[in-house]
Amino acid sequence: MLQPIFNENAAKKAINLSINSELISKAKELDINLSATFERVLENEVRKAERSDWLKNNKKAIHALNELADRNGLFSDAHRCF
């Protein structure tokens, strides 16, 4: 299970959104919980954006660590059975 990236018990906040009216009608016909769906999708997008930012901010360090491992191997190399 992924760690929460926000306090799930935080107060709800009403917002205004502009969404295609046909799509909203179909979702309501299918009893789709719009708030829960929006929160799930928004959480996923926030995770993706944070991951992208983290990778960008740590690109040099990741590259340096990969080069170090390529040159020297990994500590666990002597203990692996495969």
PDB file of N, CA and C in Angstrom:
ATOM      1  N   MET A   1       0.849  -1.191   0.000  1.00  0.00           N
ATOM      2  CA  MET A   1       0.000   0.000   0.000  1.00  0.00           C
ATOM      3  C   MET A   1       0.888   1.245   0.000  1.00  0.00           C
ATOM      4  N   LEU A   2       0.522   2.180  -0.810  1.00  0.00           N
ATOM      5  CA  LEU A   2       1.269   3.435  -0.884  1.00  0.00           C
ATOM      6  C   LEU A   2       1.004   4.276   0.357  1.00  0.00           C
ATOM      7  N   GLN A   3       2.036   4.994   0.776  1.00  0.00           N
ATOM      8  CA  GLN A   3       1.854   5.900   1.900  1.00  0.00           C
ATOM      9  C   GLN A   3       0.994   7.084   1.461  1.00  0.00           C
ATOM     10  N   PRO A   4       0.114   7.540   2.341  1.00  0.00           N
ATOM     11  CA  PRO A   4      -0.697   8.708   1.984  1.00  0.00           C
ATOM     12  C   PRO A   4       0.186   9.937   1.783  1.00  0.00           C
ATOM     13  N   ILE A   5      -0.188  10.750   0.818  1.00  0.00           N
ATOM     14  CA  ILE A   5       0.566  11.973   0.557  1.00  0.00           C
ATOM     15  C   ILE A   5      -0.171  13.194   1.104  1.00  0.00           C
ATOM     16  N   PHE A   6      -1.309  12.928   1.725  1.00  0.00           N
ATOM     17  CA  PHE A   6      -2.091  14.010   2.311  1.00  0.00           C
ATOM     18  C   PHE A   6      -2.888  13.438   3.483  1.00  0.00           C
ATOM     19  N   ASN A   7      -3.371  14.301   4.346  1.00  0.00           N
ATOM     20  CA  ASN A   7      -4.171  13.890   5.491  1.00  0.00           C
ATOM     21  C   ASN A   7      -5.581  13.579   5.016  1.00  0.00           C
ATOM     22  N   GLU A   8      -5.929  12.302   5.008  1.00  0.00           N
ATOM     23  CA  GLU A   8      -7.248  11.893   4.521  1.00  0.00           C
ATOM     24  C   GLU A   8      -8.381  12.361   5.421  1.00  0.00           C
ATOM     25  N   ASN A   9      -8.051  12.787   6.639  1.00  0.00           N
ATOM     26  CA  ASN A   9      -9.070  13.270   7.568  1.00  0.00           C
ATOM     27  C   ASN A   9      -9.207  14.784   7.550  1.00  0.00           C
ATOM     28  N   ALA A  10      -8.457  15.447   6.675  1.00  0.00           N
ATOM     29  CA  ALA A  10      -8.554  16.902   6.587  1.00  0.00           C
ATOM     30  C   ALA A  10      -9.956  17.293   6.121  1.00  0.00           C
ATOM     31  N   ALA A  11     -10.349  18.494   6.481  1.00  0.00           N
ATOM     32  CA  ALA A  11     -11.677  18.993   6.106  1.00  0.00           C
ATOM     33  C   ALA A  11     -11.815  19.046   4.589  1.00  0.00           C
ATOM     34  N   LYS A  12     -13.032  18.832   4.123  1.00  0.00           N
ATOM     35  CA  LYS A  12     -13.334  18.933   2.695  1.00  0.00           C
ATOM     36  C   LYS A  12     -13.499  20.404   2.340  1.00  0.00           C
ATOM     37  N   LYS A  13     -13.170  20.743   1.113  1.00  0.00           N
ATOM     38  CA  LYS A  13     -13.291  22.119   0.648  1.00  0.00           C
ATOM     39  C   LYS A  13     -14.093  22.112  -0.650  1.00  0.00           C
ATOM     40  N   ALA A  14     -15.121  22.908  -0.706  1.00  0.00           N
ATOM     41  CA  ALA A  14     -15.934  23.034  -1.915  1.00  0.00           C
ATOM     42  C   ALA A  14     -15.153  23.845  -2.952  1.00  0.00           C
ATOM     43  N   ILE A  15     -15.164  23.386  -4.194  1.00  0.00           N
ATOM     44  CA  ILE A  15     -14.484  24.087  -5.284  1.00  0.00           C
ATOM     45  C   ILE A  15     -15.395  24.126  -6.497  1.00  0.00           C
ATOM     46  N   ASN A  16     -15.083  24.990  -7.430  1.00  0.00           N
ATOM     47  CA  ASN A  16     -15.826  25.058  -8.686  1.00  0.00           C
ATOM     48  C   ASN A  16     -14.982  24.428  -9.782  1.00  0.00           C
ATOM     49  N   LEU A  17     -15.589  23.550 -10.558  1.00  0.00           N
ATOM     50  CA  LEU A  17     -14.918  22.915 -11.683  1.00  0.00           C
ATOM     51  C   LEU A  17     -15.773  23.068 -12.924  1.00  0.00           C
ATOM     52  N   SER A  18     -15.130  23.118 -14.056  1.00  0.00           N
ATOM     53  CA  SER A  18     -15.848  23.106 -15.327  1.00  0.00           C
ATOM     54  C   SER A  18     -15.566  21.770 -15.989  1.00  0.00           C
ATOM     55  N   ILE A  19     -16.610  20.943 -16.096  1.00  0.00           N
ATOM     56  CA  ILE A  19     -16.470  19.596 -16.642  1.00  0.00           C
ATOM     57  C   ILE A  19     -17.548  19.393 -17.701  1.00  0.00           C
ATOM     58  N   ASN A  20     -17.199  18.636 -18.711  1.00  0.00           N
ATOM     59  CA  ASN A  20     -18.121  18.342 -19.807  1.00  0.00           C
ATOM     60  C   ASN A  20     -19.454  17.849 -19.248  1.00  0.00           C
ATOM     61  N   SER A  21     -20.533  18.489 -19.649  1.00  0.00           N
ATOM     62  CA  SER A  21     -21.856  18.182 -19.092  1.00  0.00           C
ATOM     63  C   SER A  21     -22.315  16.760 -19.412  1.00  0.00           C
ATOM     64  N   GLU A  22     -21.997  16.253 -20.592  1.00  0.00           N
ATOM     65  CA  GLU A  22     -22.380  14.871 -20.945  1.00  0.00           C
ATOM     66  C   GLU A  22     -21.655  13.869 -20.059  1.00  0.00           C
ATOM     67  N   LEU A  23     -20.389  14.136 -19.824  1.00  0.00           N
ATOM     68  CA  LEU A  23     -19.599  13.234 -18.995  1.00  0.00           C
ATOM     69  C   LEU A  23     -20.152  13.196 -17.573  1.00  0.00           C
ATOM     70  N   ILE A  24     -20.522  14.357 -17.039  1.00  0.00           N
ATOM     71  CA  ILE A  24     -21.095  14.421 -15.689  1.00  0.00           C
ATOM     72  C   ILE A  24     -22.423  13.664 -15.644  1.00  0.00           C
ATOM     73  N   SER A  25     -23.252  13.857 -16.662  1.00  0.00           N
ATOM     74  CA  SER A  25     -24.544  13.162 -16.703  1.00  0.00           C
ATOM     75  C   SER A  25     -24.353  11.648 -16.711  1.00  0.00           C
ATOM     76  N   LYS A  26     -23.438  11.166 -17.523  1.00  0.00           N
ATOM     77  CA  LYS A  26     -23.188   9.721 -17.585  1.00  0.00           C
ATOM     78  C   LYS A  26     -22.652   9.203 -16.256  1.00  0.00           C
ATOM     79  N   ALA A  27     -21.759   9.953 -15.648  1.00  0.00           N
ATOM     80  CA  ALA A  27     -21.211   9.535 -14.355  1.00  0.00           C
ATOM     81  C   ALA A  27     -22.307   9.460 -13.300  1.00  0.00           C
ATOM     82  N   LYS A  28     -23.202  10.435 -13.290  1.00  0.00           N
ATOM     83  CA  LYS A  28     -24.297  10.428 -12.320  1.00  0.00           C
ATOM     84  C   LYS A  28     -25.248   9.263 -12.577  1.00  0.00           C
ATOM     85  N   GLU A  29     -25.530   8.976 -13.857  1.00  0.00           N
ATOM     86  CA  GLU A  29     -26.384   7.829 -14.205  1.00  0.00           C
ATOM     87  C   GLU A  29     -25.796   6.527 -13.682  1.00  0.00           C
ATOM     88  N   LEU A  30     -24.477   6.445 -13.660  1.00  0.00           N
ATOM     89  CA  LEU A  30     -23.788   5.235 -13.216  1.00  0.00           C
ATOM     90  C   LEU A  30     -23.459   5.257 -11.723  1.00  0.00           C
ATOM     91  N   ASP A  31     -23.996   6.237 -11.015  1.00  0.00           N
ATOM     92  CA  ASP A  31     -23.777   6.393  -9.568  1.00  0.00           C
ATOM     93  C   ASP A  31     -22.291   6.451  -9.204  1.00  0.00           C
ATOM     94  N   ILE A  32     -21.520   7.137 -10.020  1.00  0.00           N
ATOM     95  CA  ILE A  32     -20.102   7.325  -9.727  1.00  0.00           C
ATOM     96  C   ILE A  32     -19.962   8.482  -8.751  1.00  0.00           C
ATOM     97  N   ASN A  33     -19.240   8.239  -7.671  1.00  0.00           N
ATOM     98  CA  ASN A  33     -19.014   9.268  -6.664  1.00  0.00           C
ATOM     99  C   ASN A  33     -17.969  10.237  -7.223  1.00  0.00           C
ATOM    100  N   LEU A  34     -18.414  11.406  -7.636  1.00  0.00           N
ATOM    101  CA  LEU A  34     -17.528  12.366  -8.289  1.00  0.00           C
ATOM    102  C   LEU A  34     -16.411  12.858  -7.369  1.00  0.00           C
ATOM    103  N   SER A  35     -16.736  13.141  -6.136  1.00  0.00           N
ATOM    104  CA  SER A  35     -15.727  13.641  -5.199  1.00  0.00           C
ATOM    105  C   SER A  35     -14.637  12.600  -4.961  1.00  0.00           C
ATOM    106  N   ALA A  36     -15.042  11.365  -4.696  1.00  0.00           N
ATOM    107  CA  ALA A  36     -14.064  10.301  -4.440  1.00  0.00           C
ATOM    108  C   ALA A  36     -13.227  10.024  -5.683  1.00  0.00           C
ATOM    109  N   THR A  37     -13.865  10.041  -6.835  1.00  0.00           N
ATOM    110  CA  THR A  37     -13.149   9.797  -8.092  1.00  0.00           C
ATOM    111  C   THR A  37     -12.147  10.905  -8.347  1.00  0.00           C
ATOM    112  N   PHE A  38     -12.565  12.147  -8.175  1.00  0.00           N
ATOM    113  CA  PHE A  38     -11.664  13.273  -8.383  1.00  0.00           C
ATOM    114  C   PHE A  38     -10.475  13.201  -7.426  1.00  0.00           C
ATOM    115  N   GLU A  39     -10.730  12.876  -6.153  1.00  0.00           N
ATOM    116  CA  GLU A  39      -9.640  12.779  -5.190  1.00  0.00           C
ATOM    117  C   GLU A  39      -8.643  11.689  -5.584  1.00  0.00           C
ATOM    118  N   ARG A  40      -9.140  10.526  -6.018  1.00  0.00           N
ATOM    119  CA  ARG A  40      -8.251   9.431  -6.427  1.00  0.00           C
ATOM    120  C   ARG A  40      -7.397   9.826  -7.619  1.00  0.00           C
ATOM    121  N   VAL A  41      -8.022  10.434  -8.615  1.00  0.00           N
ATOM    122  CA  VAL A  41      -7.293  10.827  -9.821  1.00  0.00           C
ATOM    123  C   VAL A  41      -6.313  11.952  -9.498  1.00  0.00           C
ATOM    124  N   LEU A  42      -6.734  12.914  -8.711  1.00  0.00           N
ATOM    125  CA  LEU A  42      -5.849  14.024  -8.337  1.00  0.00           C
ATOM    126  C   LEU A  42      -4.663  13.522  -7.521  1.00  0.00           C
ATOM    127  N   GLU A  43      -4.903  12.592  -6.609  1.00  0.00           N
ATOM    128  CA  GLU A  43      -3.804  12.024  -5.830  1.00  0.00           C
ATOM    129  C   GLU A  43      -2.794  11.347  -6.753  1.00  0.00           C
ATOM    130  N   ASN A  44      -3.280  10.600  -7.724  1.00  0.00           N
ATOM    131  CA  ASN A  44      -2.393   9.938  -8.682  1.00  0.00           C
ATOM    132  C   ASN A  44      -1.572  10.961  -9.470  1.00  0.00           C
ATOM    133  N   GLU A  45      -2.189  12.024  -9.913  1.00  0.00           N
ATOM    134  CA  GLU A  45      -1.480  13.063 -10.663  1.00  0.00           C
ATOM    135  C   GLU A  45      -0.442  13.773  -9.796  1.00  0.00           C
ATOM    136  N   VAL A  46      -0.783  14.012  -8.531  1.00  0.00           N
ATOM    137  CA  VAL A  46       0.165  14.643  -7.605  1.00  0.00           C
ATOM    138  C   VAL A  46       1.359  13.713  -7.383  1.00  0.00           C
ATOM    139  N   ARG A  47       1.091  12.419  -7.201  1.00  0.00           N
ATOM    140  CA  ARG A  47       2.183  11.445  -7.037  1.00  0.00           C
ATOM    141  C   ARG A  47       3.107  11.455  -8.254  1.00  0.00           C
ATOM    142  N   LYS A  48       2.521  11.436  -9.456  1.00  0.00           N
ATOM    143  CA  LYS A  48       3.325  11.436 -10.678  1.00  0.00           C
ATOM    144  C   LYS A  48       4.166  12.705 -10.780  1.00  0.00           C
ATOM    145  N   ALA A  49       3.573  13.850 -10.469  1.00  0.00           N
ATOM    146  CA  ALA A  49       4.305  15.115 -10.547  1.00  0.00           C
ATOM    147  C   ALA A  49       5.420  15.164  -9.505  1.00  0.00           C
ATOM    148  N   GLU A  50       5.142  14.698  -8.291  1.00  0.00           N
ATOM    149  CA  GLU A  50       6.175  14.686  -7.247  1.00  0.00           C
ATOM    150  C   GLU A  50       7.305  13.724  -7.614  1.00  0.00           C
ATOM    151  N   ARG A  51       6.971  12.580  -8.190  1.00  0.00           N
ATOM    152  CA  ARG A  51       7.993  11.617  -8.609  1.00  0.00           C
ATOM    153  C   ARG A  51       8.866  12.225  -9.705  1.00  0.00           C
ATOM    154  N   SER A  52       8.227  12.873 -10.655  1.00  0.00           N
ATOM    155  CA  SER A  52       8.965  13.512 -11.750  1.00  0.00           C
ATOM    156  C   SER A  52       9.903  14.588 -11.216  1.00  0.00           C
ATOM    157  N   ASP A  53       9.406  15.402 -10.300  1.00  0.00           N
ATOM    158  CA  ASP A  53      10.237  16.439  -9.682  1.00  0.00           C
ATOM    159  C   ASP A  53      11.412  15.825  -8.927  1.00  0.00           C
ATOM    160  N   TRP A  54      11.131  14.742  -8.164  1.00  0.00           N
ATOM    161  CA  TRP A  54      12.180  14.096  -7.385  1.00  0.00           C
ATOM    162  C   TRP A  54      13.264  13.552  -8.313  1.00  0.00           C
ATOM    163  N   LEU A  55      12.853  12.875  -9.389  1.00  0.00           N
ATOM    164  CA  LEU A  55      13.826  12.328 -10.331  1.00  0.00           C
ATOM    165  C   LEU A  55      14.657  13.438 -10.976  1.00  0.00           C
ATOM    166  N   LYS A  56      14.001  14.535 -11.332  1.00  0.00           N
ATOM    167  CA  LYS A  56      14.715  15.659 -11.936  1.00  0.00           C
ATOM    168  C   LYS A  56      15.705  16.272 -10.949  1.00  0.00           C
ATOM    169  N   ASN A  57      15.274  16.455  -9.709  1.00  0.00           N
ATOM    170  CA  ASN A  57      16.127  17.069  -8.694  1.00  0.00           C
ATOM    171  C   ASN A  57      17.281  16.165  -8.254  1.00  0.00           C
ATOM    172  N   ASN A  58      17.139  14.859  -8.461  1.00  0.00           N
ATOM    173  CA  ASN A  58      18.160  13.911  -8.007  1.00  0.00           C
ATOM    174  C   ASN A  58      18.875  13.216  -9.159  1.00  0.00           C
ATOM    175  N   LYS A  59      18.706  13.743 -10.364  1.00  0.00           N
ATOM    176  CA  LYS A  59      19.274  13.112 -11.550  1.00  0.00           C
ATOM    177  C   LYS A  59      20.793  12.950 -11.446  1.00  0.00           C
ATOM    178  N   LYS A  60      21.498  13.980 -11.005  1.00  0.00           N
ATOM    179  CA  LYS A  60      22.962  13.921 -10.898  1.00  0.00           C
ATOM    180  C   LYS A  60      23.391  12.860  -9.885  1.00  0.00           C
ATOM    181  N   ALA A  61      22.734  12.822  -8.751  1.00  0.00           N
ATOM    182  CA  ALA A  61      23.089  11.860  -7.710  1.00  0.00           C
ATOM    183  C   ALA A  61      22.812  10.429  -8.171  1.00  0.00           C
ATOM    184  N   ILE A  62      21.697  10.216  -8.838  1.00  0.00           N
ATOM    185  CA  ILE A  62      21.359   8.888  -9.353  1.00  0.00           C
ATOM    186  C   ILE A  62      22.398   8.445 -10.371  1.00  0.00           C
ATOM    187  N   HIS A  63      22.754   9.360 -11.259  1.00  0.00           N
ATOM    188  CA  HIS A  63      23.761   9.054 -12.283  1.00  0.00           C
ATOM    189  C   HIS A  63      25.101   8.715 -11.634  1.00  0.00           C
ATOM    190  N   ALA A  64      25.510   9.496 -10.633  1.00  0.00           N
ATOM    191  CA  ALA A  64      26.781   9.263  -9.945  1.00  0.00           C
ATOM    192  C   ALA A  64      26.770   7.914  -9.222  1.00  0.00           C
ATOM    193  N   LEU A  65      25.667   7.583  -8.585  1.00  0.00           N
ATOM    194  CA  LEU A  65      25.570   6.307  -7.879  1.00  0.00           C
ATOM    195  C   LEU A  65      25.606   5.136  -8.857  1.00  0.00           C
ATOM    196  N   ASN A  66      24.933   5.276  -9.992  1.00  0.00           N
ATOM    197  CA  ASN A  66      24.960   4.222 -11.006  1.00  0.00           C
ATOM    198  C   ASN A  66      26.372   4.034 -11.561  1.00  0.00           C
ATOM    199  N   GLU A  67      27.078   5.128 -11.783  1.00  0.00           N
ATOM    200  CA  GLU A  67      28.469   5.031 -12.254  1.00  0.00           C
ATOM    201  C   GLU A  67      29.356   4.350 -11.218  1.00  0.00           C
ATOM    202  N   LEU A  68      29.175   4.697  -9.964  1.00  0.00           N
ATOM    203  CA  LEU A  68      29.943   4.086  -8.886  1.00  0.00           C
ATOM    204  C   LEU A  68      29.687   2.572  -8.841  1.00  0.00           C
ATOM    205  N   ALA A  69      28.434   2.180  -8.963  1.00  0.00           N
ATOM    206  CA  ALA A  69      28.088   0.754  -8.948  1.00  0.00           C
ATOM    207  C   ALA A  69      28.648   0.045 -10.176  1.00  0.00           C
ATOM    208  N   ASP A  70      28.619   0.709 -11.321  1.00  0.00           N
ATOM    209  CA  ASP A  70      29.182   0.110 -12.535  1.00  0.00           C
ATOM    210  C   ASP A  70      30.688  -0.125 -12.386  1.00  0.00           C
ATOM    211  N   ARG A  71      31.374   0.825 -11.781  1.00  0.00           N
ATOM    212  CA  ARG A  71      32.832   0.719 -11.618  1.00  0.00           C
ATOM    213  C   ARG A  71      33.223  -0.290 -10.544  1.00  0.00           C
ATOM    214  N   ASN A  72      32.505  -0.284  -9.433  1.00  0.00           N
ATOM    215  CA  ASN A  72      32.914  -1.058  -8.266  1.00  0.00           C
ATOM    216  C   ASN A  72      32.024  -2.240  -7.928  1.00  0.00           C
ATOM    217  N   GLY A  73      30.923  -2.378  -8.615  1.00  0.00           N
ATOM    218  CA  GLY A  73      29.971  -3.424  -8.254  1.00  0.00           C
ATOM    219  C   GLY A  73      29.155  -3.016  -7.040  1.00  0.00           C
ATOM    220  N   LEU A  74      28.315  -3.920  -6.604  1.00  0.00           N
ATOM    221  CA  LEU A  74      27.463  -3.668  -5.443  1.00  0.00           C
ATOM    222  C   LEU A  74      27.977  -4.438  -4.243  1.00  0.00           C
ATOM    223  N   PHE A  75      27.733  -3.928  -3.068  1.00  0.00           N
ATOM    224  CA  PHE A  75      28.145  -4.591  -1.839  1.00  0.00           C
ATOM    225  C   PHE A  75      27.620  -6.023  -1.789  1.00  0.00           C
ATOM    226  N   SER A  76      26.419  -6.235  -2.260  1.00  0.00           N
ATOM    227  CA  SER A  76      25.774  -7.551  -2.163  1.00  0.00           C
ATOM    228  C   SER A  76      26.220  -8.531  -3.243  1.00  0.00           C
ATOM    229  N   ASP A  77      27.034  -8.099  -4.201  1.00  0.00           N
ATOM    230  CA  ASP A  77      27.430  -8.984  -5.301  1.00  0.00           C
ATOM    231  C   ASP A  77      28.056 -10.287  -4.800  1.00  0.00           C
ATOM    232  N   ALA A  78      28.849 -10.224  -3.766  1.00  0.00           N
ATOM    233  CA  ALA A  78      29.524 -11.420  -3.257  1.00  0.00           C
ATOM    234  C   ALA A  78      28.575 -12.367  -2.539  1.00  0.00           C
ATOM    235  N   HIS A  79      27.391 -11.890  -2.193  1.00  0.00           N
ATOM    236  CA  HIS A  79      26.449 -12.694  -1.411  1.00  0.00           C
ATOM    237  C   HIS A  79      25.266 -13.207  -2.218  1.00  0.00           C
ATOM    238  N   ARG A  80      25.172 -12.789  -3.470  1.00  0.00           N
ATOM    239  CA  ARG A  80      24.025 -13.210  -4.281  1.00  0.00           C
ATOM    240  C   ARG A  80      24.226 -14.630  -4.794  1.00  0.00           C
ATOM    241  N   CYS A  81      23.112 -15.341  -4.937  1.00  0.00           N
ATOM    242  CA  CYS A  81      23.135 -16.715  -5.467  1.00  0.00           C
ATOM    243  C   CYS A  81      22.725 -16.762  -6.922  1.00  0.00           C
ATOM    244  N   PHE A  82      22.466 -15.631  -7.537  1.00  0.00           N
ATOM    245  CA  PHE A  82      22.029 -15.615  -8.945  1.00  0.00           C
ATOM    246  C   PHE A  82      22.940 -14.779  -9.793  1.00  0.00           C
TER     247      PHE A  82
END
